Each structure stands twice: as structure tokens, then as C-alpha cells.
Amino acid sequence: LIMAPTQGFLRYIERVLPSLGESGVVMLTPGELF
């Protein structure tokens, strides 16, 4: 689980993990945890 502050921030980082060789990571903001 990657907890990031905003949806904009998630979009900012979302392409990094696939380019590092990983996918399928769950990314949420604090307002989506429940």
C-alpha cells in the first residue's frame, strides 16, 4: 500500500513503479482508506 497526500500526487508518481519493474501496487489517498 502506498499512501500519498492527494490524487494529483498519485498521478505524479503512478508511472514510476512500472518503470522500476513492478506493478499491482495499491495507491490511495487518506480520503480513500475506508
All heavy atoms as atom14 arrays in JSON, in Angstrom:
{
  "sequence": "LIMAPTQGFLRYIERVLPSLGESGVVMLTPGELF",
  "atom14_mask": [
    [1, 1, 1, 1, 1, 1, 1, 1, 0, 0, 0, 0, 0, 0],
    [1, 1, 1, 1, 1, 1, 1, 1, 0, 0, 0, 0, 0, 0],
    [1, 1, 1, 1, 1, 1, 1, 1, 0, 0, 0, 0, 0, 0],
    [1, 1, 1, 1, 1, 0, 0, 0, 0, 0, 0, 0, 0, 0],
    [1, 1, 1, 1, 1, 1, 1, 0, 0, 0, 0, 0, 0, 0],
    [1, 1, 1, 1, 1, 1, 1, 0, 0, 0, 0, 0, 0, 0],
    [1, 1, 1, 1, 1, 1, 1, 1, 1, 0, 0, 0, 0, 0],
    [1, 1, 1, 1, 0, 0, 0, 0, 0, 0, 0, 0, 0, 0],
    [1, 1, 1, 1, 1, 1, 1, 1, 1, 1, 1, 0, 0, 0],
    [1, 1, 1, 1, 1, 1, 1, 1, 0, 0, 0, 0, 0, 0],
    [1, 1, 1, 1, 1, 1, 1, 1, 1, 1, 1, 0, 0, 0],
    [1, 1, 1, 1, 1, 1, 1, 1, 1, 1, 1, 1, 0, 0],
    [1, 1, 1, 1, 1, 1, 1, 1, 0, 0, 0, 0, 0, 0],
    [1, 1, 1, 1, 1, 1, 1, 1, 1, 0, 0, 0, 0, 0],
    [1, 1, 1, 1, 1, 1, 1, 1, 1, 1, 1, 0, 0, 0],
    [1, 1, 1, 1, 1, 1, 1, 0, 0, 0, 0, 0, 0, 0],
    [1, 1, 1, 1, 1, 1, 1, 1, 0, 0, 0, 0, 0, 0],
    [1, 1, 1, 1, 1, 1, 1, 0, 0, 0, 0, 0, 0, 0],
    [1, 1, 1, 1, 1, 1, 0, 0, 0, 0, 0, 0, 0, 0],
    [1, 1, 1, 1, 1, 1, 1, 1, 0, 0, 0, 0, 0, 0],
    [1, 1, 1, 1, 0, 0, 0, 0, 0, 0, 0, 0, 0, 0],
    [1, 1, 1, 1, 1, 1, 1, 1, 1, 0, 0, 0, 0, 0],
    [1, 1, 1, 1, 1, 1, 0, 0, 0, 0, 0, 0, 0, 0],
    [1, 1, 1, 1, 0, 0, 0, 0, 0, 0, 0, 0, 0, 0],
    [1, 1, 1, 1, 1, 1, 1, 0, 0, 0, 0, 0, 0, 0],
    [1, 1, 1, 1, 1, 1, 1, 0, 0, 0, 0, 0, 0, 0],
    [1, 1, 1, 1, 1, 1, 1, 1, 0, 0, 0, 0, 0, 0],
    [1, 1, 1, 1, 1, 1, 1, 1, 0, 0, 0, 0, 0, 0],
    [1, 1, 1, 1, 1, 1, 1, 0, 0, 0, 0, 0, 0, 0],
    [1, 1, 1, 1, 1, 1, 1, 0, 0, 0, 0, 0, 0, 0],
    [1, 1, 1, 1, 0, 0, 0, 0, 0, 0, 0, 0, 0, 0],
    [1, 1, 1, 1, 1, 1, 1, 1, 1, 0, 0, 0, 0, 0],
    [1, 1, 1, 1, 1, 1, 1, 1, 0, 0, 0, 0, 0, 0],
    [1, 1, 1, 1, 1, 1, 1, 1, 1, 1, 1, 0, 0, 0]
  ],
  "atom14_positions": [
    [[0.85, -1.19, 0.0], [0.0, 0.0, 0.0], [0.88, 1.24, 0.0], [1.8, 1.35, 0.82], [-0.9, 0.02, 1.24], [-1.66, 1.33, 1.5], [-2.66, 1.61, 0.38], [-2.36, 1.27, 2.86], [0.0, 0.0, 0.0], [0.0, 0.0, 0.0], [0.0, 0.0, 0.0], [0.0, 0.0, 0.0], [0.0, 0.0, 0.0], [0.0, 0.0, 0.0]],
    [[0.61, 2.15, -0.93], [1.28, 3.44, -0.94], [0.23, 4.5, -0.6], [-0.75, 4.67, -1.32], [1.94, 3.74, -2.29], [3.09, 2.75, -2.53], [2.46, 5.17, -2.34], [3.81, 2.95, -3.83], [0.0, 0.0, 0.0], [0.0, 0.0, 0.0], [0.0, 0.0, 0.0], [0.0, 0.0, 0.0], [0.0, 0.0, 0.0], [0.0, 0.0, 0.0]],
    [[0.46, 5.19, 0.5], [-0.45, 6.24, 0.95], [0.18, 7.58, 0.6], [1.24, 7.93, 1.1], [-0.67, 6.11, 2.46], [-1.53, 7.19, 3.08], [-3.23, 7.23, 2.48], [-3.78, 5.57, 2.88], [0.0, 0.0, 0.0], [0.0, 0.0, 0.0], [0.0, 0.0, 0.0], [0.0, 0.0, 0.0], [0.0, 0.0, 0.0], [0.0, 0.0, 0.0]],
    [[-0.48, 8.32, -0.29], [0.03, 9.61, -0.75], [-0.99, 10.7, -0.46], [-2.18, 10.41, -0.32], [0.35, 9.55, -2.25], [0.0, 0.0, 0.0], [0.0, 0.0, 0.0], [0.0, 0.0, 0.0], [0.0, 0.0, 0.0], [0.0, 0.0, 0.0], [0.0, 0.0, 0.0], [0.0, 0.0, 0.0], [0.0, 0.0, 0.0], [0.0, 0.0, 0.0]],
    [[-0.57, 11.97, -0.4], [-1.46, 13.01, 0.13], [-2.66, 13.38, -0.74], [-3.72, 13.69, -0.21], [-0.53, 14.21, 0.33], [0.61, 13.98, -0.6], [0.79, 12.49, -0.62], [0.0, 0.0, 0.0], [0.0, 0.0, 0.0], [0.0, 0.0, 0.0], [0.0, 0.0, 0.0], [0.0, 0.0, 0.0], [0.0, 0.0, 0.0], [0.0, 0.0, 0.0]],
    [[-2.51, 13.37, -2.06], [-3.59, 13.84, -2.94], [-3.65, 12.98, -4.19], [-2.69, 12.28, -4.54], [-3.37, 15.3, -3.38], [-2.14, 15.38, -4.14], [-3.27, 16.23, -2.18], [0.0, 0.0, 0.0], [0.0, 0.0, 0.0], [0.0, 0.0, 0.0], [0.0, 0.0, 0.0], [0.0, 0.0, 0.0], [0.0, 0.0, 0.0], [0.0, 0.0, 0.0]],
    [[-4.78, 13.06, -4.91], [-4.91, 12.36, -6.19], [-3.89, 12.9, -7.2], [-3.34, 12.15, -8.0], [-6.32, 12.52, -6.73], [-7.33, 11.53, -6.17], [-7.02, 10.11, -6.59], [-6.47, 9.85, -7.65], [-7.39, 9.16, -5.73], [0.0, 0.0, 0.0], [0.0, 0.0, 0.0], [0.0, 0.0, 0.0], [0.0, 0.0, 0.0], [0.0, 0.0, 0.0]],
    [[-3.68, 14.22, -7.17], [-2.69, 14.79, -8.08], [-1.31, 14.22, -7.84], [-0.56, 13.94, -8.78], [0.0, 0.0, 0.0], [0.0, 0.0, 0.0], [0.0, 0.0, 0.0], [0.0, 0.0, 0.0], [0.0, 0.0, 0.0], [0.0, 0.0, 0.0], [0.0, 0.0, 0.0], [0.0, 0.0, 0.0], [0.0, 0.0, 0.0], [0.0, 0.0, 0.0]],
    [[-0.96, 14.02, -6.58], [0.33, 13.45, -6.24], [0.41, 12.0, -6.72], [1.46, 11.56, -7.21], [0.56, 13.54, -4.73], [1.94, 13.13, -4.3], [3.0, 13.98, -4.49], [2.16, 11.9, -3.72], [4.28, 13.61, -4.1], [3.42, 11.52, -3.32], [4.49, 12.38, -3.51], [0.0, 0.0, 0.0], [0.0, 0.0, 0.0], [0.0, 0.0, 0.0]],
    [[-0.68, 11.25, -6.58], [-0.69, 9.88, -7.07], [-0.45, 9.84, -8.57], [0.28, 8.98, -9.07], [-2.0, 9.18, -6.73], [-2.2, 8.77, -5.27], [-3.56, 8.12, -5.08], [-1.1, 7.83, -4.81], [0.0, 0.0, 0.0], [0.0, 0.0, 0.0], [0.0, 0.0, 0.0], [0.0, 0.0, 0.0], [0.0, 0.0, 0.0], [0.0, 0.0, 0.0]],
    [[-1.07, 10.75, -9.31], [-0.84, 10.8, -10.75], [0.61, 11.16, -11.06], [1.18, 10.7, -12.04], [-1.79, 11.8, -11.41], [-3.21, 11.28, -11.53], [-4.0, 12.07, -12.56], [-4.2, 13.44, -12.14], [-5.18, 13.83, -11.34], [-6.02, 12.95, -10.84], [-5.31, 15.11, -11.02], [0.0, 0.0, 0.0], [0.0, 0.0, 0.0], [0.0, 0.0, 0.0]],
    [[1.17, 11.97, -10.21], [2.56, 12.4, -10.37], [3.53, 11.21, -10.28], [4.51, 11.13, -11.0], [2.86, 13.44, -9.3], [4.26, 14.0, -9.27], [4.81, 14.65, -10.37], [5.02, 13.92, -8.1], [6.08, 15.18, -10.31], [6.28, 14.45, -8.03], [6.82, 15.09, -9.14], [8.07, 15.62, -9.08], [0.0, 0.0, 0.0], [0.0, 0.0, 0.0]],
    [[3.23, 10.27, -9.39], [4.16, 9.18, -9.15], [3.74, 7.87, -9.81], [4.52, 6.91, -9.83], [4.34, 8.91, -7.64], [3.04, 8.38, -7.02], [4.82, 10.16, -6.93], [3.17, 7.97, -5.56], [0.0, 0.0, 0.0], [0.0, 0.0, 0.0], [0.0, 0.0, 0.0], [0.0, 0.0, 0.0], [0.0, 0.0, 0.0], [0.0, 0.0, 0.0]],
    [[2.54, 7.79, -10.38], [1.98, 6.5, -10.76], [2.78, 5.78, -11.84], [2.68, 4.56, -11.97], [0.53, 6.66, -11.22], [0.37, 7.44, -12.5], [-1.1, 7.68, -12.86], [-1.96, 7.17, -12.14], [-1.35, 8.37, -13.84], [0.0, 0.0, 0.0], [0.0, 0.0, 0.0], [0.0, 0.0, 0.0], [0.0, 0.0, 0.0], [0.0, 0.0, 0.0]],
    [[3.56, 6.51, -12.62], [4.31, 5.84, -13.68], [5.68, 5.34, -13.23], [6.39, 4.72, -13.98], [4.49, 6.8, -14.86], [3.18, 7.15, -15.54], [3.39, 8.06, -16.71], [2.12, 8.47, -17.29], [2.0, 9.4, -18.23], [3.07, 10.01, -18.69], [0.82, 9.73, -18.7], [0.0, 0.0, 0.0], [0.0, 0.0, 0.0], [0.0, 0.0, 0.0]],
    [[6.04, 5.67, -11.99], [7.39, 5.32, -11.55], [7.53, 3.83, -11.31], [8.45, 3.19, -11.8], [7.76, 6.1, -10.28], [9.1, 5.64, -9.74], [7.83, 7.58, -10.61], [0.0, 0.0, 0.0], [0.0, 0.0, 0.0], [0.0, 0.0, 0.0], [0.0, 0.0, 0.0], [0.0, 0.0, 0.0], [0.0, 0.0, 0.0], [0.0, 0.0, 0.0]],
    [[6.61, 3.23, -10.54], [6.79, 1.83, -10.19], [6.79, 0.9, -11.39], [7.64, 0.01, -11.45], [5.74, 1.4, -9.17], [6.09, 1.78, -7.73], [4.95, 1.5, -6.79], [7.33, 1.04, -7.27], [0.0, 0.0, 0.0], [0.0, 0.0, 0.0], [0.0, 0.0, 0.0], [0.0, 0.0, 0.0], [0.0, 0.0, 0.0], [0.0, 0.0, 0.0]],
    [[5.89, 1.05, -12.36], [6.01, 0.18, -13.53], [7.37, 0.32, -14.22], [7.94, -0.66, -14.68], [4.87, 0.65, -14.44], [3.86, 1.19, -13.49], [4.67, 1.85, -12.4], [0.0, 0.0, 0.0], [0.0, 0.0, 0.0], [0.0, 0.0, 0.0], [0.0, 0.0, 0.0], [0.0, 0.0, 0.0], [0.0, 0.0, 0.0], [0.0, 0.0, 0.0]],
    [[7.91, 1.52, -14.28], [9.21, 1.7, -14.93], [10.33, 1.11, -14.1], [11.42, 0.88, -14.6], [9.48, 3.18, -15.2], [9.82, 3.86, -14.01], [0.0, 0.0, 0.0], [0.0, 0.0, 0.0], [0.0, 0.0, 0.0], [0.0, 0.0, 0.0], [0.0, 0.0, 0.0], [0.0, 0.0, 0.0], [0.0, 0.0, 0.0], [0.0, 0.0, 0.0]],
    [[10.09, 0.86, -12.82], [11.09, 0.23, -11.97], [10.98, -1.29, -12.01], [11.75, -1.98, -11.38], [10.93, 0.69, -10.52], [11.07, 2.19, -10.28], [10.9, 2.5, -8.81], [12.42, 2.67, -10.75], [0.0, 0.0, 0.0], [0.0, 0.0, 0.0], [0.0, 0.0, 0.0], [0.0, 0.0, 0.0], [0.0, 0.0, 0.0], [0.0, 0.0, 0.0]],
    [[10.0, -1.78, -12.73], [9.86, -3.23, -12.86], [8.78, -3.82, -11.99], [8.75, -5.01, -11.78], [0.0, 0.0, 0.0], [0.0, 0.0, 0.0], [0.0, 0.0, 0.0], [0.0, 0.0, 0.0], [0.0, 0.0, 0.0], [0.0, 0.0, 0.0], [0.0, 0.0, 0.0], [0.0, 0.0, 0.0], [0.0, 0.0, 0.0], [0.0, 0.0, 0.0]],
    [[7.88, -2.99, -11.45], [6.82, -3.52, -10.61], [5.47, -2.93, -11.02], [5.38, -1.84, -11.57], [7.07, -3.17, -9.13], [8.3, -3.85, -8.55], [8.23, -5.36, -8.58], [7.12, -5.91, -8.72], [9.28, -5.98, -8.47], [0.0, 0.0, 0.0], [0.0, 0.0, 0.0], [0.0, 0.0, 0.0], [0.0, 0.0, 0.0], [0.0, 0.0, 0.0]],
    [[4.42, -3.67, -10.75], [3.06, -3.17, -10.98], [2.17, -3.82, -9.94], [2.58, -4.68, -9.19], [2.59, -3.51, -12.39], [2.59, -4.91, -12.57], [0.0, 0.0, 0.0], [0.0, 0.0, 0.0], [0.0, 0.0, 0.0], [0.0, 0.0, 0.0], [0.0, 0.0, 0.0], [0.0, 0.0, 0.0], [0.0, 0.0, 0.0], [0.0, 0.0, 0.0]],
    [[0.92, -3.41, -9.89], [-0.02, -4.0, -8.96], [0.03, -3.45, -7.56], [-0.57, -4.02, -6.64], [0.0, 0.0, 0.0], [0.0, 0.0, 0.0], [0.0, 0.0, 0.0], [0.0, 0.0, 0.0], [0.0, 0.0, 0.0], [0.0, 0.0, 0.0], [0.0, 0.0, 0.0], [0.0, 0.0, 0.0], [0.0, 0.0, 0.0], [0.0, 0.0, 0.0]],
    [[0.75, -2.36, -7.35], [0.79, -1.73, -6.04], [-0.5, -0.94, -5.83], [-1.03, -0.33, -6.75], [2.02, -0.8, -5.94], [2.01, -0.02, -4.63], [3.29, -1.61, -6.07], [0.0, 0.0, 0.0], [0.0, 0.0, 0.0], [0.0, 0.0, 0.0], [0.0, 0.0, 0.0], [0.0, 0.0, 0.0], [0.0, 0.0, 0.0], [0.0, 0.0, 0.0]],
    [[-1.03, -0.98, -4.62], [-2.26, -0.26, -4.3], [-1.9, 1.15, -3.84], [-1.15, 1.32, -2.88], [-3.05, -0.99, -3.19], [-4.34, -0.24, -2.87], [-3.36, -2.42, -3.61], [0.0, 0.0, 0.0], [0.0, 0.0, 0.0], [0.0, 0.0, 0.0], [0.0, 0.0, 0.0], [0.0, 0.0, 0.0], [0.0, 0.0, 0.0], [0.0, 0.0, 0.0]],
    [[-2.44, 2.17, -4.52], [-2.13, 3.55, -4.18], [-3.42, 4.27, -3.79], [-4.39, 4.28, -4.54], [-1.45, 4.26, -5.36], [-0.13, 3.64, -5.75], [0.9, 4.71, -6.79], [-0.07, 4.74, -8.29], [0.0, 0.0, 0.0], [0.0, 0.0, 0.0], [0.0, 0.0, 0.0], [0.0, 0.0, 0.0], [0.0, 0.0, 0.0], [0.0, 0.0, 0.0]],
    [[-3.43, 4.84, -2.6], [-4.6, 5.52, -2.07], [-4.22, 6.86, -1.46], [-3.06, 7.07, -1.08], [-5.28, 4.66, -0.98], [-5.8, 3.28, -1.36], [-6.27, 2.54, -0.12], [-6.93, 3.39, -2.38], [0.0, 0.0, 0.0], [0.0, 0.0, 0.0], [0.0, 0.0, 0.0], [0.0, 0.0, 0.0], [0.0, 0.0, 0.0], [0.0, 0.0, 0.0]],
    [[-5.2, 7.73, -1.34], [-5.05, 8.94, -0.56], [-5.7, 8.72, 0.81], [-6.48, 7.77, 0.98], [-5.72, 10.15, -1.24], [-7.14, 9.93, -1.25], [-5.22, 10.32, -2.67], [0.0, 0.0, 0.0], [0.0, 0.0, 0.0], [0.0, 0.0, 0.0], [0.0, 0.0, 0.0], [0.0, 0.0, 0.0], [0.0, 0.0, 0.0], [0.0, 0.0, 0.0]],
    [[-5.41, 9.57, 1.8], [-6.04, 9.39, 3.12], [-7.57, 9.42, 3.06], [-8.23, 8.81, 3.9], [-5.49, 10.58, 3.92], [-4.17, 10.87, 3.3], [-4.36, 10.62, 1.84], [0.0, 0.0, 0.0], [0.0, 0.0, 0.0], [0.0, 0.0, 0.0], [0.0, 0.0, 0.0], [0.0, 0.0, 0.0], [0.0, 0.0, 0.0], [0.0, 0.0, 0.0]],
    [[-8.12, 10.1, 2.06], [-9.57, 10.16, 1.94], [-10.2, 8.95, 1.29], [-11.43, 8.89, 1.12], [0.0, 0.0, 0.0], [0.0, 0.0, 0.0], [0.0, 0.0, 0.0], [0.0, 0.0, 0.0], [0.0, 0.0, 0.0], [0.0, 0.0, 0.0], [0.0, 0.0, 0.0], [0.0, 0.0, 0.0], [0.0, 0.0, 0.0], [0.0, 0.0, 0.0]],
    [[-9.39, 7.95, 0.93], [-9.89, 6.74, 0.27], [-9.62, 5.48, 1.08], [-9.94, 4.38, 0.64], [-9.23, 6.57, -1.1], [-9.5, 7.71, -2.06], [-8.66, 7.62, -3.33], [-7.45, 7.29, -3.22], [-9.19, 7.86, -4.4], [0.0, 0.0, 0.0], [0.0, 0.0, 0.0], [0.0, 0.0, 0.0], [0.0, 0.0, 0.0], [0.0, 0.0, 0.0]],
    [[-9.04, 5.62, 2.27], [-8.6, 4.45, 3.02], [-9.77, 3.59, 3.49], [-9.64, 2.36, 3.6], [-7.76, 4.89, 4.22], [-7.09, 3.78, 5.03], [-6.1, 3.01, 4.15], [-6.39, 4.34, 6.26], [0.0, 0.0, 0.0], [0.0, 0.0, 0.0], [0.0, 0.0, 0.0], [0.0, 0.0, 0.0], [0.0, 0.0, 0.0], [0.0, 0.0, 0.0]],
    [[-10.9, 4.2, 3.76], [-12.06, 3.43, 4.22], [-12.93, 3.07, 3.03], [-13.42, 3.96, 2.32], [-12.87, 4.24, 5.24], [-13.95, 3.45, 5.91], [-13.68, 2.66, 7.01], [-15.25, 3.48, 5.42], [-14.67, 1.92, 7.62], [-16.25, 2.75, 6.03], [-15.96, 1.96, 7.13], [0.0, 0.0, 0.0], [0.0, 0.0, 0.0], [0.0, 0.0, 0.0]]
  ]
}
